[in-house]
Every structure is written in C-alpha cells, then in structure tokens.
Amino acid sequence: MTTGGSSTSEGGAPAGTPAAGAGSRRVPLSVLAWLWVGLPMTYGLYELIQKAAQLFTG
C-alpha cells in the first residue's frame, strides 16, 4: 500500500525511474556533454582574459 500518492517499485526506486544499471550508462554521455560545453567555454574565457589584458596594458 502506498501513502501520499508516491508509488515505488520493488527495489525501492520511485516508479518510472530507470534501474540502477541504466544510470551507469549515462556517465560517459554526461562526461562527453560536459566536455562538449566546457572545453570551448574554457578556451573562450582564456581568450577573453588575454584580450582584456591587452586592452588595459596597451
């Protein structure tokens, strides 16, 4: 019997959530997504700092 309208599966995870094994497959995808965004952003910030230094130092 469930209370408060939240149902859980036999494993204790909320209904509709992926199994524990499915989450481990998302780790490489998450790393790739962070690199896809983080590397260009880091390069852009590096270039910004260089240009700002040139601007203020002449």
PDB file of N, CA and C in Angstrom:
ATOM      1  N   MET A   1       0.840  -1.174   0.000  1.00  0.00           N
ATOM      2  CA  MET A   1       0.000   0.000   0.000  1.00  0.00           C
ATOM      3  C   MET A   1       0.882   1.232   0.000  1.00  0.00           C
ATOM      4  N   THR A   2       0.514   2.213  -0.815  1.00  0.00           N
ATOM      5  CA  THR A   2       1.300   3.443  -0.892  1.00  0.00           C
ATOM      6  C   THR A   2       0.576   4.563  -0.176  1.00  0.00           C
ATOM      7  N   THR A   3       1.356   5.476   0.339  1.00  0.00           N
ATOM      8  CA  THR A   3       0.771   6.637   1.001  1.00  0.00           C
ATOM      9  C   THR A   3       1.285   7.896   0.337  1.00  0.00           C
ATOM     10  N   GLY A   4       0.514   8.937   0.367  1.00  0.00           N
ATOM     11  CA  GLY A   4       0.945  10.203  -0.178  1.00  0.00           C
ATOM     12  C   GLY A   4       1.031  10.230  -1.692  1.00  0.00           C
ATOM     13  N   GLY A   5       0.506   9.230  -2.349  1.00  0.00           N
ATOM     14  CA  GLY A   5       0.464   9.217  -3.798  1.00  0.00           C
ATOM     15  C   GLY A   5       1.775   8.858  -4.467  1.00  0.00           C
ATOM     16  N   SER A   6       2.833   8.520  -3.713  1.00  0.00           N
ATOM     17  CA  SER A   6       4.081   8.142  -4.371  1.00  0.00           C
ATOM     18  C   SER A   6       4.174   6.628  -4.377  1.00  0.00           C
ATOM     19  N   SER A   7       4.300   6.069  -5.567  1.00  0.00           N
ATOM     20  CA  SER A   7       4.426   4.621  -5.664  1.00  0.00           C
ATOM     21  C   SER A   7       5.880   4.271  -5.918  1.00  0.00           C
ATOM     22  N   THR A   8       6.296   3.159  -5.365  1.00  0.00           N
ATOM     23  CA  THR A   8       7.666   2.706  -5.573  1.00  0.00           C
ATOM     24  C   THR A   8       7.633   1.301  -6.132  1.00  0.00           C
ATOM     25  N   SER A   9       8.685   0.952  -6.856  1.00  0.00           N
ATOM     26  CA  SER A   9       8.801  -0.408  -7.367  1.00  0.00           C
ATOM     27  C   SER A   9       9.353  -1.295  -6.262  1.00  0.00           C
ATOM     28  N   GLU A  10       9.546  -2.557  -6.567  1.00  0.00           N
ATOM     29  CA  GLU A  10      10.023  -3.498  -5.556  1.00  0.00           C
ATOM     30  C   GLU A  10      11.408  -3.130  -5.044  1.00  0.00           C
ATOM     31  N   GLY A  11      12.247  -2.515  -5.884  1.00  0.00           N
ATOM     32  CA  GLY A  11      13.601  -2.166  -5.488  1.00  0.00           C
ATOM     33  C   GLY A  11      13.672  -0.939  -4.608  1.00  0.00           C
ATOM     34  N   GLY A  12      12.574  -0.257  -4.406  1.00  0.00           N
ATOM     35  CA  GLY A  12      12.572   0.931  -3.584  1.00  0.00           C
ATOM     36  C   GLY A  12      12.724   2.213  -4.383  1.00  0.00           C
ATOM     37  N   ALA A  13      12.998   2.112  -5.669  1.00  0.00           N
ATOM     38  CA  ALA A  13      13.112   3.305  -6.506  1.00  0.00           C
ATOM     39  C   ALA A  13      11.724   3.782  -6.888  1.00  0.00           C
ATOM     40  N   PRO A  14      11.540   5.076  -7.054  1.00  0.00           N
ATOM     41  CA  PRO A  14      10.226   5.576  -7.476  1.00  0.00           C
ATOM     42  C   PRO A  14       9.832   4.990  -8.820  1.00  0.00           C
ATOM     43  N   ALA A  15       8.540   4.776  -8.995  1.00  0.00           N
ATOM     44  CA  ALA A  15       8.049   4.206 -10.237  1.00  0.00           C
ATOM     45  C   ALA A  15       8.349   5.150 -11.388  1.00  0.00           C
ATOM     46  N   GLY A  16       8.743   4.587 -12.520  1.00  0.00           N
ATOM     47  CA  GLY A  16       9.030   5.385 -13.703  1.00  0.00           C
ATOM     48  C   GLY A  16      10.477   5.811 -13.813  1.00  0.00           C
ATOM     49  N   THR A  17      11.307   5.524 -12.817  1.00  0.00           N
ATOM     50  CA  THR A  17      12.725   5.857 -12.897  1.00  0.00           C
ATOM     51  C   THR A  17      13.484   4.669 -13.435  1.00  0.00           C
ATOM     52  N   PRO A  18      14.614   4.926 -14.114  1.00  0.00           N
ATOM     53  CA  PRO A  18      15.373   3.798 -14.658  1.00  0.00           C
ATOM     54  C   PRO A  18      16.020   2.978 -13.561  1.00  0.00           C
ATOM     55  N   ALA A  19      16.341   1.745 -13.885  1.00  0.00           N
ATOM     56  CA  ALA A  19      17.005   0.859 -12.927  1.00  0.00           C
ATOM     57  C   ALA A  19      18.413   1.374 -12.646  1.00  0.00           C
ATOM     58  N   ALA A  20      19.051   0.861 -11.618  1.00  0.00           N
ATOM     59  CA  ALA A  20      20.384   1.312 -11.221  1.00  0.00           C
ATOM     60  C   ALA A  20      21.399   1.119 -12.335  1.00  0.00           C
ATOM     61  N   GLY A  21      21.301   0.063 -13.100  1.00  0.00           N
ATOM     62  CA  GLY A  21      22.241  -0.200 -14.189  1.00  0.00           C
ATOM     63  C   GLY A  21      22.123   0.807 -15.317  1.00  0.00           C
ATOM     64  N   ALA A  22      20.948   1.347 -15.543  1.00  0.00           N
ATOM     65  CA  ALA A  22      20.755   2.304 -16.624  1.00  0.00           C
ATOM     66  C   ALA A  22      21.460   3.615 -16.326  1.00  0.00           C
ATOM     67  N   GLY A  23      21.571   3.980 -15.061  1.00  0.00           N
ATOM     68  CA  GLY A  23      22.240   5.224 -14.711  1.00  0.00           C
ATOM     69  C   GLY A  23      23.727   5.183 -14.987  1.00  0.00           C
ATOM     70  N   SER A  24      24.335   4.014 -14.872  1.00  0.00           N
ATOM     71  CA  SER A  24      25.766   3.905 -15.110  1.00  0.00           C
ATOM     72  C   SER A  24      26.100   4.079 -16.585  1.00  0.00           C
ATOM     73  N   ARG A  25      25.150   3.822 -17.467  1.00  0.00           N
ATOM     74  CA  ARG A  25      25.387   4.018 -18.900  1.00  0.00           C
ATOM     75  C   ARG A  25      25.365   5.497 -19.261  1.00  0.00           C
ATOM     76  N   ARG A  26      24.798   6.324 -18.410  1.00  0.00           N
ATOM     77  CA  ARG A  26      24.710   7.748 -18.699  1.00  0.00           C
ATOM     78  C   ARG A  26      25.974   8.497 -18.315  1.00  0.00           C
ATOM     79  N   VAL A  27      26.846   7.881 -17.544  1.00  0.00           N
ATOM     80  CA  VAL A  27      28.059   8.567 -17.087  1.00  0.00           C
ATOM     81  C   VAL A  27      28.939   8.978 -18.264  1.00  0.00           C
ATOM     82  N   PRO A  28      29.276   8.094 -19.205  1.00  0.00           N
ATOM     83  CA  PRO A  28      30.101   8.539 -20.333  1.00  0.00           C
ATOM     84  C   PRO A  28      29.431   9.650 -21.153  1.00  0.00           C
ATOM     85  N   LEU A  29      28.127   9.565 -21.309  1.00  0.00           N
ATOM     86  CA  LEU A  29      27.404  10.597 -22.045  1.00  0.00           C
ATOM     87  C   LEU A  29      27.461  11.930 -21.307  1.00  0.00           C
ATOM     88  N   SER A  30      27.346  11.896 -19.986  1.00  0.00           N
ATOM     89  CA  SER A  30      27.436  13.116 -19.195  1.00  0.00           C
ATOM     90  C   SER A  30      28.824  13.738 -19.284  1.00  0.00           C
ATOM     91  N   VAL A  31      29.845  12.898 -19.229  1.00  0.00           N
ATOM     92  CA  VAL A  31      31.214  13.395 -19.344  1.00  0.00           C
ATOM     93  C   VAL A  31      31.419  14.037 -20.711  1.00  0.00           C
ATOM     94  N   LEU A  32      30.957  13.379 -21.759  1.00  0.00           N
ATOM     95  CA  LEU A  32      31.083  13.921 -23.102  1.00  0.00           C
ATOM     96  C   LEU A  32      30.333  15.253 -23.235  1.00  0.00           C
ATOM     97  N   ALA A  33      29.146  15.330 -22.667  1.00  0.00           N
ATOM     98  CA  ALA A  33      28.370  16.569 -22.745  1.00  0.00           C
ATOM     99  C   ALA A  33      29.071  17.704 -22.012  1.00  0.00           C
ATOM    100  N   TRP A  34      29.630  17.430 -20.835  1.00  0.00           N
ATOM    101  CA  TRP A  34      30.355  18.467 -20.094  1.00  0.00           C
ATOM    102  C   TRP A  34      31.589  18.917 -20.860  1.00  0.00           C
ATOM    103  N   LEU A  35      32.307  17.986 -21.482  1.00  0.00           N
ATOM    104  CA  LEU A  35      33.474  18.362 -22.281  1.00  0.00           C
ATOM    105  C   LEU A  35      33.069  19.172 -23.506  1.00  0.00           C
ATOM    106  N   TRP A  36      31.963  18.794 -24.127  1.00  0.00           N
ATOM    107  CA  TRP A  36      31.465  19.474 -25.320  1.00  0.00           C
ATOM    108  C   TRP A  36      31.183  20.945 -25.016  1.00  0.00           C
ATOM    109  N   VAL A  37      30.719  21.231 -23.840  1.00  0.00           N
ATOM    110  CA  VAL A  37      30.416  22.607 -23.440  1.00  0.00           C
ATOM    111  C   VAL A  37      31.613  23.252 -22.746  1.00  0.00           C
ATOM    112  N   GLY A  38      32.280  22.505 -21.887  1.00  0.00           N
ATOM    113  CA  GLY A  38      33.320  23.075 -21.040  1.00  0.00           C
ATOM    114  C   GLY A  38      34.590  23.463 -21.772  1.00  0.00           C
ATOM    115  N   LEU A  39      35.021  22.656 -22.738  1.00  0.00           N
ATOM    116  CA  LEU A  39      36.266  22.970 -23.439  1.00  0.00           C
ATOM    117  C   LEU A  39      36.169  24.263 -24.254  1.00  0.00           C
ATOM    118  N   PRO A  40      35.141  24.452 -25.073  1.00  0.00           N
ATOM    119  CA  PRO A  40      35.041  25.729 -25.788  1.00  0.00           C
ATOM    120  C   PRO A  40      34.859  26.922 -24.841  1.00  0.00           C
ATOM    121  N   MET A  41      34.130  26.715 -23.769  1.00  0.00           N
ATOM    122  CA  MET A  41      33.943  27.803 -22.814  1.00  0.00           C
ATOM    123  C   MET A  41      35.265  28.174 -22.147  1.00  0.00           C
ATOM    124  N   THR A  42      36.059  27.180 -21.783  1.00  0.00           N
ATOM    125  CA  THR A  42      37.363  27.439 -21.175  1.00  0.00           C
ATOM    126  C   THR A  42      38.272  28.183 -22.151  1.00  0.00           C
ATOM    127  N   TYR A  43      38.272  27.753 -23.402  1.00  0.00           N
ATOM    128  CA  TYR A  43      39.071  28.428 -24.415  1.00  0.00           C
ATOM    129  C   TYR A  43      38.597  29.885 -24.594  1.00  0.00           C
ATOM    130  N   GLY A  44      37.308  30.078 -24.625  1.00  0.00           N
ATOM    131  CA  GLY A  44      36.755  31.422 -24.769  1.00  0.00           C
ATOM    132  C   GLY A  44      37.127  32.322 -23.601  1.00  0.00           C
ATOM    133  N   LEU A  45      37.071  31.792 -22.395  1.00  0.00           N
ATOM    134  CA  LEU A  45      37.470  32.590 -21.224  1.00  0.00           C
ATOM    135  C   LEU A  45      38.956  32.918 -21.269  1.00  0.00           C
ATOM    136  N   TYR A  46      39.771  31.973 -21.711  1.00  0.00           N
ATOM    137  CA  TYR A  46      41.204  32.205 -21.850  1.00  0.00           C
ATOM    138  C   TYR A  46      41.461  33.345 -22.842  1.00  0.00           C
ATOM    139  N   GLU A  47      40.794  33.291 -23.988  1.00  0.00           N
ATOM    140  CA  GLU A  47      40.945  34.343 -24.992  1.00  0.00           C
ATOM    141  C   GLU A  47      40.440  35.687 -24.454  1.00  0.00           C
ATOM    142  N   LEU A  48      39.351  35.669 -23.728  1.00  0.00           N
ATOM    143  CA  LEU A  48      38.805  36.895 -23.143  1.00  0.00           C
ATOM    144  C   LEU A  48      39.793  37.535 -22.187  1.00  0.00           C
ATOM    145  N   ILE A  49      40.414  36.742 -21.353  1.00  0.00           N
ATOM    146  CA  ILE A  49      41.388  37.273 -20.385  1.00  0.00           C
ATOM    147  C   ILE A  49      42.598  37.837 -21.118  1.00  0.00           C
ATOM    148  N   GLN A  50      43.043  37.149 -22.155  1.00  0.00           N
ATOM    149  CA  GLN A  50      44.166  37.670 -22.931  1.00  0.00           C
ATOM    150  C   GLN A  50      43.825  39.003 -23.588  1.00  0.00           C
ATOM    151  N   LYS A  51      42.651  39.117 -24.180  1.00  0.00           N
ATOM    152  CA  LYS A  51      42.247  40.354 -24.842  1.00  0.00           C
ATOM    153  C   LYS A  51      42.047  41.478 -23.838  1.00  0.00           C
ATOM    154  N   ALA A  52      41.496  41.156 -22.684  1.00  0.00           N
ATOM    155  CA  ALA A  52      41.307  42.172 -21.652  1.00  0.00           C
ATOM    156  C   ALA A  52      42.651  42.666 -21.128  1.00  0.00           C
ATOM    157  N   ALA A  53      43.607  41.769 -20.987  1.00  0.00           N
ATOM    158  CA  ALA A  53      44.941  42.163 -20.530  1.00  0.00           C
ATOM    159  C   ALA A  53      45.591  43.085 -21.557  1.00  0.00           C
ATOM    160  N   GLN A  54      45.442  42.773 -22.849  1.00  0.00           N
ATOM    161  CA  GLN A  54      45.990  43.619 -23.895  1.00  0.00           C
ATOM    162  C   GLN A  54      45.315  44.978 -23.894  1.00  0.00           C
ATOM    163  N   LEU A  55      44.040  44.997 -23.654  1.00  0.00           N
ATOM    164  CA  LEU A  55      43.270  46.242 -23.658  1.00  0.00           C
ATOM    165  C   LEU A  55      43.734  47.184 -22.562  1.00  0.00           C
ATOM    166  N   PHE A  56      43.978  46.646 -21.376  1.00  0.00           N
ATOM    167  CA  PHE A  56      44.329  47.500 -20.238  1.00  0.00           C
ATOM    168  C   PHE A  56      45.832  47.753 -20.107  1.00  0.00           C
ATOM    169  N   THR A  57      46.665  46.935 -20.750  1.00  0.00           N
ATOM    170  CA  THR A  57      48.103  47.162 -20.634  1.00  0.00           C
ATOM    171  C   THR A  57      48.684  47.838 -21.873  1.00  0.00           C
ATOM    172  N   GLY A  58      47.928  47.931 -22.921  1.00  0.00           N
ATOM    173  CA  GLY A  58      48.379  48.646 -24.107  1.00  0.00           C
ATOM    174  C   GLY A  58      49.035  47.779 -25.018  1.00  0.00           C
TER     175      GLY A  58
END
